[in-house]
Structure formats: structure tokens, C-alpha cells
N, C-alpha and C. Protein backbone atom coordinates (compact mmCIF):
# COMPACT_ATOMS: atom_id res chain seq x y z
N MET A 1 112.00 88.24 168.61
CA MET A 1 111.41 89.36 169.28
C MET A 1 110.04 89.62 168.67
N PRO A 2 109.02 89.79 169.51
CA PRO A 2 107.66 90.02 169.00
C PRO A 2 107.55 91.39 168.32
N VAL A 3 106.70 91.45 167.35
CA VAL A 3 106.43 92.69 166.64
C VAL A 3 104.99 93.07 166.93
N ASP A 4 104.79 94.29 167.38
CA ASP A 4 103.44 94.77 167.65
C ASP A 4 102.93 95.54 166.45
N LEU A 5 101.89 95.01 165.83
CA LEU A 5 101.26 95.67 164.70
C LEU A 5 99.76 95.74 164.95
N THR A 6 99.15 96.80 164.52
CA THR A 6 97.69 96.86 164.52
C THR A 6 97.21 96.01 163.35
N PRO A 7 95.95 95.62 163.35
CA PRO A 7 95.44 94.89 162.18
C PRO A 7 95.64 95.66 160.88
N SER A 8 95.45 96.95 160.93
CA SER A 8 95.63 97.77 159.73
C SER A 8 97.09 97.76 159.26
N GLN A 9 98.02 97.85 160.19
CA GLN A 9 99.45 97.80 159.83
C GLN A 9 99.82 96.43 159.28
N ALA A 10 99.31 95.36 159.90
CA ALA A 10 99.59 94.01 159.42
C ALA A 10 99.07 93.82 158.00
N LEU A 11 97.86 94.31 157.75
CA LEU A 11 97.29 94.20 156.41
C LEU A 11 98.06 95.06 155.41
N GLY A 12 98.53 96.22 155.86
CA GLY A 12 99.35 97.08 154.99
C GLY A 12 100.64 96.38 154.61
N LEU A 13 101.27 95.70 155.56
CA LEU A 13 102.49 94.95 155.28
C LEU A 13 102.20 93.82 154.30
N TRP A 14 101.14 93.06 154.56
CA TRP A 14 100.76 91.96 153.68
C TRP A 14 100.47 92.50 152.27
N HIS A 15 99.79 93.62 152.18
CA HIS A 15 99.49 94.25 150.89
C HIS A 15 100.78 94.60 150.15
N ALA A 16 101.71 95.23 150.85
CA ALA A 16 102.98 95.64 150.22
C ALA A 16 103.75 94.42 149.72
N VAL A 17 103.79 93.36 150.51
CA VAL A 17 104.52 92.15 150.13
C VAL A 17 103.85 91.47 148.94
N THR A 18 102.53 91.30 149.00
CA THR A 18 101.85 90.61 147.91
C THR A 18 101.90 91.42 146.62
N LEU A 19 101.79 92.73 146.73
CA LEU A 19 101.88 93.58 145.55
C LEU A 19 103.25 93.44 144.89
N GLN A 20 104.30 93.44 145.71
CA GLN A 20 105.66 93.28 145.17
C GLN A 20 105.84 91.90 144.54
N GLN A 21 105.24 90.88 145.14
CA GLN A 21 105.33 89.53 144.58
C GLN A 21 104.67 89.46 143.20
N VAL A 22 103.51 90.07 143.08
CA VAL A 22 102.80 90.05 141.81
C VAL A 22 103.58 90.82 140.74
N GLN A 23 104.22 91.91 141.15
CA GLN A 23 104.97 92.74 140.21
C GLN A 23 106.37 92.18 139.95
N GLY A 24 106.81 91.23 140.76
CA GLY A 24 108.19 90.75 140.73
C GLY A 24 108.51 89.76 139.65
N ASP A 25 108.99 88.59 140.06
CA ASP A 25 109.59 87.65 139.12
C ASP A 25 108.62 86.79 138.33
N GLY A 26 107.33 87.05 138.43
CA GLY A 26 106.37 86.30 137.63
C GLY A 26 105.89 85.02 138.26
N ARG A 27 106.41 84.68 139.43
CA ARG A 27 105.98 83.45 140.10
C ARG A 27 105.13 83.82 141.32
N ASP A 28 104.00 84.45 141.07
CA ASP A 28 103.12 84.78 142.18
C ASP A 28 102.22 83.57 142.45
N LEU A 29 102.41 82.96 143.59
CA LEU A 29 101.71 81.74 143.96
C LEU A 29 100.38 82.06 144.62
N THR A 30 99.44 81.12 144.53
CA THR A 30 98.20 81.25 145.28
C THR A 30 98.51 81.05 146.76
N LEU A 31 97.59 81.43 147.62
CA LEU A 31 97.79 81.21 149.05
C LEU A 31 97.97 79.73 149.35
N ARG A 32 97.20 78.88 148.69
CA ARG A 32 97.32 77.44 148.91
C ARG A 32 98.71 76.94 148.50
N GLN A 33 99.18 77.38 147.34
CA GLN A 33 100.51 76.98 146.89
C GLN A 33 101.58 77.47 147.85
N LEU A 34 101.44 78.70 148.31
CA LEU A 34 102.42 79.25 149.25
C LEU A 34 102.40 78.48 150.57
N ALA A 35 101.22 78.14 151.05
CA ALA A 35 101.11 77.36 152.30
C ALA A 35 101.79 76.00 152.14
N ILE A 36 101.59 75.37 151.00
CA ILE A 36 102.23 74.07 150.74
C ILE A 36 103.74 74.24 150.67
N LEU A 37 104.19 75.24 149.95
CA LEU A 37 105.63 75.47 149.81
C LEU A 37 106.28 75.75 151.16
N LEU A 38 105.65 76.57 151.97
CA LEU A 38 106.20 76.86 153.31
C LEU A 38 106.22 75.60 154.17
N GLU A 39 105.20 74.79 154.06
CA GLU A 39 105.17 73.53 154.81
C GLU A 39 106.35 72.64 154.40
N ILE A 40 106.61 72.56 153.12
CA ILE A 40 107.69 71.72 152.61
C ILE A 40 109.06 72.22 153.07
N TYR A 41 109.23 73.54 153.11
CA TYR A 41 110.54 74.11 153.41
C TYR A 41 110.76 74.41 154.88
N LEU A 42 109.71 74.63 155.67
CA LEU A 42 109.88 74.99 157.07
C LEU A 42 109.68 73.84 158.05
N VAL A 43 109.01 72.79 157.60
CA VAL A 43 108.77 71.62 158.44
C VAL A 43 109.69 70.51 157.94
N PRO A 44 110.40 69.86 158.86
CA PRO A 44 111.34 68.81 158.41
C PRO A 44 110.66 67.72 157.58
N PRO A 45 111.36 67.22 156.54
CA PRO A 45 110.80 66.17 155.70
C PRO A 45 110.75 64.84 156.46
N PRO A 46 110.14 63.84 155.89
CA PRO A 46 109.63 63.75 154.52
C PRO A 46 108.24 64.37 154.39
N HIS A 47 107.92 64.77 153.17
CA HIS A 47 106.60 65.30 152.85
C HIS A 47 106.01 64.46 151.73
N THR A 48 104.76 64.05 151.93
CA THR A 48 104.05 63.26 150.94
C THR A 48 102.78 64.00 150.53
N VAL A 49 102.26 63.62 149.38
CA VAL A 49 100.99 64.20 148.93
C VAL A 49 99.92 63.91 149.98
N ARG A 50 99.87 62.68 150.45
CA ARG A 50 98.88 62.29 151.45
C ARG A 50 99.03 63.11 152.73
N GLY A 51 100.26 63.30 153.19
CA GLY A 51 100.51 64.05 154.41
C GLY A 51 100.16 65.52 154.27
N LEU A 52 100.50 66.11 153.12
CA LEU A 52 100.18 67.51 152.88
C LEU A 52 98.66 67.71 152.79
N ALA A 53 97.98 66.78 152.16
CA ALA A 53 96.52 66.87 152.06
C ALA A 53 95.89 66.84 153.44
N ALA A 54 96.38 65.95 154.30
CA ALA A 54 95.84 65.87 155.66
C ALA A 54 96.14 67.14 156.44
N LYS A 55 97.35 67.65 156.32
CA LYS A 55 97.76 68.85 157.05
C LYS A 55 96.93 70.06 156.65
N LEU A 56 96.67 70.22 155.34
CA LEU A 56 95.93 71.38 154.86
C LEU A 56 94.42 71.17 154.84
N GLY A 57 94.00 69.93 155.09
CA GLY A 57 92.56 69.65 155.10
C GLY A 57 91.92 69.72 153.73
N VAL A 58 92.67 69.26 152.72
CA VAL A 58 92.17 69.24 151.35
C VAL A 58 92.38 67.84 150.78
N THR A 59 91.89 67.62 149.57
CA THR A 59 92.05 66.31 148.94
C THR A 59 93.43 66.17 148.29
N LYS A 60 93.81 64.93 148.01
CA LYS A 60 95.08 64.70 147.33
C LYS A 60 95.13 65.33 145.94
N PRO A 61 94.03 65.32 145.16
CA PRO A 61 94.10 66.00 143.86
C PRO A 61 94.38 67.49 143.97
N VAL A 62 93.90 68.13 145.03
CA VAL A 62 94.18 69.56 145.24
C VAL A 62 95.69 69.76 145.42
N ILE A 63 96.31 68.91 146.22
CA ILE A 63 97.76 68.99 146.44
C ILE A 63 98.50 68.70 145.14
N THR A 64 98.05 67.69 144.42
CA THR A 64 98.71 67.31 143.17
C THR A 64 98.69 68.46 142.17
N ARG A 65 97.55 69.14 142.03
CA ARG A 65 97.47 70.27 141.10
C ARG A 65 98.44 71.38 141.51
N ALA A 66 98.49 71.68 142.81
CA ALA A 66 99.40 72.72 143.29
C ALA A 66 100.85 72.31 143.04
N LEU A 67 101.18 71.05 143.30
CA LEU A 67 102.54 70.57 143.08
C LEU A 67 102.90 70.56 141.59
N ASP A 68 101.92 70.29 140.73
CA ASP A 68 102.17 70.35 139.29
C ASP A 68 102.66 71.75 138.91
N THR A 69 101.94 72.76 139.38
CA THR A 69 102.32 74.14 139.07
C THR A 69 103.67 74.49 139.67
N MET A 70 103.88 74.14 140.93
CA MET A 70 105.15 74.47 141.58
C MET A 70 106.30 73.68 140.98
N GLY A 71 106.03 72.49 140.49
CA GLY A 71 107.06 71.72 139.79
C GLY A 71 107.45 72.38 138.48
N GLU A 72 106.46 72.88 137.73
CA GLU A 72 106.74 73.59 136.48
C GLU A 72 107.57 74.85 136.74
N LEU A 73 107.39 75.46 137.91
CA LEU A 73 108.15 76.66 138.27
C LEU A 73 109.52 76.32 138.87
N GLY A 74 109.79 75.03 139.05
CA GLY A 74 111.08 74.61 139.59
C GLY A 74 111.21 74.75 141.10
N LEU A 75 110.08 74.89 141.80
CA LEU A 75 110.13 75.11 143.25
C LEU A 75 110.18 73.82 144.05
N VAL A 76 109.69 72.73 143.48
CA VAL A 76 109.69 71.42 144.13
C VAL A 76 109.85 70.34 143.06
N THR A 77 110.22 69.15 143.50
CA THR A 77 110.20 67.97 142.63
C THR A 77 109.50 66.85 143.39
N ARG A 78 109.12 65.80 142.66
CA ARG A 78 108.46 64.65 143.27
C ARG A 78 109.13 63.37 142.81
N VAL A 79 109.22 62.43 143.75
CA VAL A 79 109.75 61.09 143.44
C VAL A 79 108.90 60.06 144.15
N ARG A 80 108.85 58.86 143.58
CA ARG A 80 108.14 57.75 144.22
C ARG A 80 108.94 57.27 145.42
N ASP A 81 108.24 56.96 146.48
CA ASP A 81 108.85 56.37 147.67
C ASP A 81 109.20 54.92 147.33
N GLU A 82 110.48 54.59 147.35
CA GLU A 82 110.91 53.24 146.99
C GLU A 82 110.42 52.19 147.99
N ARG A 83 110.20 52.59 149.24
CA ARG A 83 109.71 51.64 150.26
C ARG A 83 108.21 51.38 150.14
N ASP A 84 107.47 52.38 149.68
CA ASP A 84 106.03 52.25 149.51
C ASP A 84 105.65 53.00 148.24
N ARG A 85 105.55 52.28 147.15
CA ARG A 85 105.35 52.89 145.82
C ARG A 85 104.04 53.67 145.71
N ARG A 86 103.14 53.53 146.70
CA ARG A 86 101.91 54.31 146.68
C ARG A 86 102.16 55.76 147.05
N ASN A 87 103.24 56.02 147.78
CA ASN A 87 103.55 57.37 148.26
C ASN A 87 104.42 58.13 147.27
N VAL A 88 104.16 59.42 147.19
CA VAL A 88 105.00 60.32 146.41
C VAL A 88 105.66 61.27 147.40
N ILE A 89 106.99 61.32 147.35
CA ILE A 89 107.77 62.18 148.24
C ILE A 89 108.04 63.51 147.53
N ILE A 90 107.77 64.60 148.22
CA ILE A 90 108.04 65.92 147.65
C ILE A 90 109.41 66.37 148.13
N LYS A 91 110.23 66.80 147.19
CA LYS A 91 111.60 67.22 147.49
C LYS A 91 111.76 68.72 147.26
N ARG A 92 112.62 69.30 148.07
CA ARG A 92 112.97 70.71 147.92
C ARG A 92 113.93 70.89 146.76
N THR A 93 113.96 72.10 146.20
CA THR A 93 114.91 72.42 145.14
C THR A 93 115.68 73.68 145.54
N VAL A 94 116.79 73.90 144.89
CA VAL A 94 117.55 75.12 145.13
C VAL A 94 116.71 76.34 144.75
N ASP A 95 116.02 76.26 143.60
CA ASP A 95 115.17 77.39 143.18
C ASP A 95 114.08 77.68 144.20
N GLY A 96 113.50 76.64 144.77
CA GLY A 96 112.47 76.84 145.78
C GLY A 96 113.02 77.49 147.02
N ALA A 97 114.20 77.06 147.46
CA ALA A 97 114.83 77.66 148.64
C ALA A 97 115.17 79.12 148.38
N LEU A 98 115.67 79.42 147.18
CA LEU A 98 116.00 80.81 146.84
C LEU A 98 114.74 81.67 146.76
N TYR A 99 113.66 81.11 146.21
CA TYR A 99 112.40 81.83 146.13
C TYR A 99 111.93 82.24 147.53
N LEU A 100 111.96 81.30 148.46
CA LEU A 100 111.50 81.60 149.82
C LEU A 100 112.47 82.52 150.55
N GLU A 101 113.75 82.40 150.28
CA GLU A 101 114.72 83.31 150.89
C GLU A 101 114.46 84.74 150.43
N ARG A 102 114.20 84.92 149.14
CA ARG A 102 113.88 86.25 148.61
C ARG A 102 112.56 86.76 149.19
N LEU A 103 111.60 85.87 149.36
CA LEU A 103 110.34 86.26 149.96
C LEU A 103 110.55 86.72 151.41
N GLY A 104 111.36 85.99 152.16
CA GLY A 104 111.68 86.40 153.52
C GLY A 104 112.37 87.75 153.55
N ASP A 105 113.32 87.95 152.65
CA ASP A 105 114.01 89.25 152.57
C ASP A 105 113.03 90.36 152.23
N LEU A 106 112.10 90.09 151.33
CA LEU A 106 111.10 91.08 150.94
C LEU A 106 110.21 91.45 152.13
N ILE A 107 109.79 90.47 152.89
CA ILE A 107 108.95 90.72 154.06
C ILE A 107 109.70 91.60 155.06
N ILE A 108 110.97 91.28 155.29
CA ILE A 108 111.79 92.10 156.20
C ILE A 108 111.89 93.53 155.70
N ALA A 109 112.20 93.68 154.42
CA ALA A 109 112.37 95.02 153.85
C ALA A 109 111.07 95.83 153.92
N LYS A 110 109.98 95.21 153.55
CA LYS A 110 108.68 95.90 153.59
C LYS A 110 108.28 96.21 155.04
N GLY A 111 108.60 95.30 155.95
CA GLY A 111 108.29 95.52 157.36
C GLY A 111 109.07 96.71 157.93
N ARG A 112 110.31 96.84 157.53
CA ARG A 112 111.13 97.96 157.98
C ARG A 112 110.64 99.28 157.38
N ALA A 113 110.08 99.21 156.18
CA ALA A 113 109.63 100.43 155.50
C ALA A 113 108.24 100.88 155.98
N GLN A 114 107.48 99.97 156.60
CA GLN A 114 106.13 100.30 157.07
C GLN A 114 106.21 101.25 158.26
N PRO A 115 105.46 102.35 158.24
CA PRO A 115 105.40 103.21 159.41
C PRO A 115 104.62 102.53 160.54
N LEU A 116 105.14 102.60 161.74
CA LEU A 116 104.45 101.98 162.89
C LEU A 116 103.66 102.97 163.68
């Protein structure tokens, strides 16, 4: 079902969610990292560094740096593609799925609390 928000209401919701994320569990991701994580979890796999770089319009080193950070946080893992050793496959983790589930719950909660 569509939600009708004014630009000010949408920004207020985004503000409330991002503020809670920063104050929350300590894993406040950059917008780029969040975009990569959502791509990995919402778009069916496989996901490669090369494919993510093309999708986001950035270089492979940019993706690699973001994945390094997200890997340290336990949100994703990487493995070599056995069929083509040049490719690195990005894998989902339970922690990453839980992180995004909590983020979705937070967005719902903040959206319900926002005055329309």
C-alpha cells in the first residue's frame, strides 16, 4: 500500500531512523555501505565485487573497502568463485540478515510514530 508523505515528513522519518541507528548498536553504516548491503540482501544472488561496482557506478576498490568494513562487522563474507578465480562472491550472513530485519522494524516503528 502506498504511503503519502510530504518531503518534510519523509525527511523527518529518515532523520528519526538515522538518528536511532547512530545511537543504537554501534554499526552505523555509510549510505554507500547501506546501499551495498541492501543490494546483497534484497536482490537475488550471486553478487560479485565487479557486479556491485557496475550497479553502483563506482570502482572495484570502493566496493572492496566497503566490504572490508562490513565483513569486520559480520554483515557479509567473501569467497573466491571456484569457476572463475578472478571473481569474488559476496555471501550473506545471519548477522547481516538480522541487522537489516532490525532496520526494517525500526523504519516501521518510526513511520508509525511520525505525525502525518
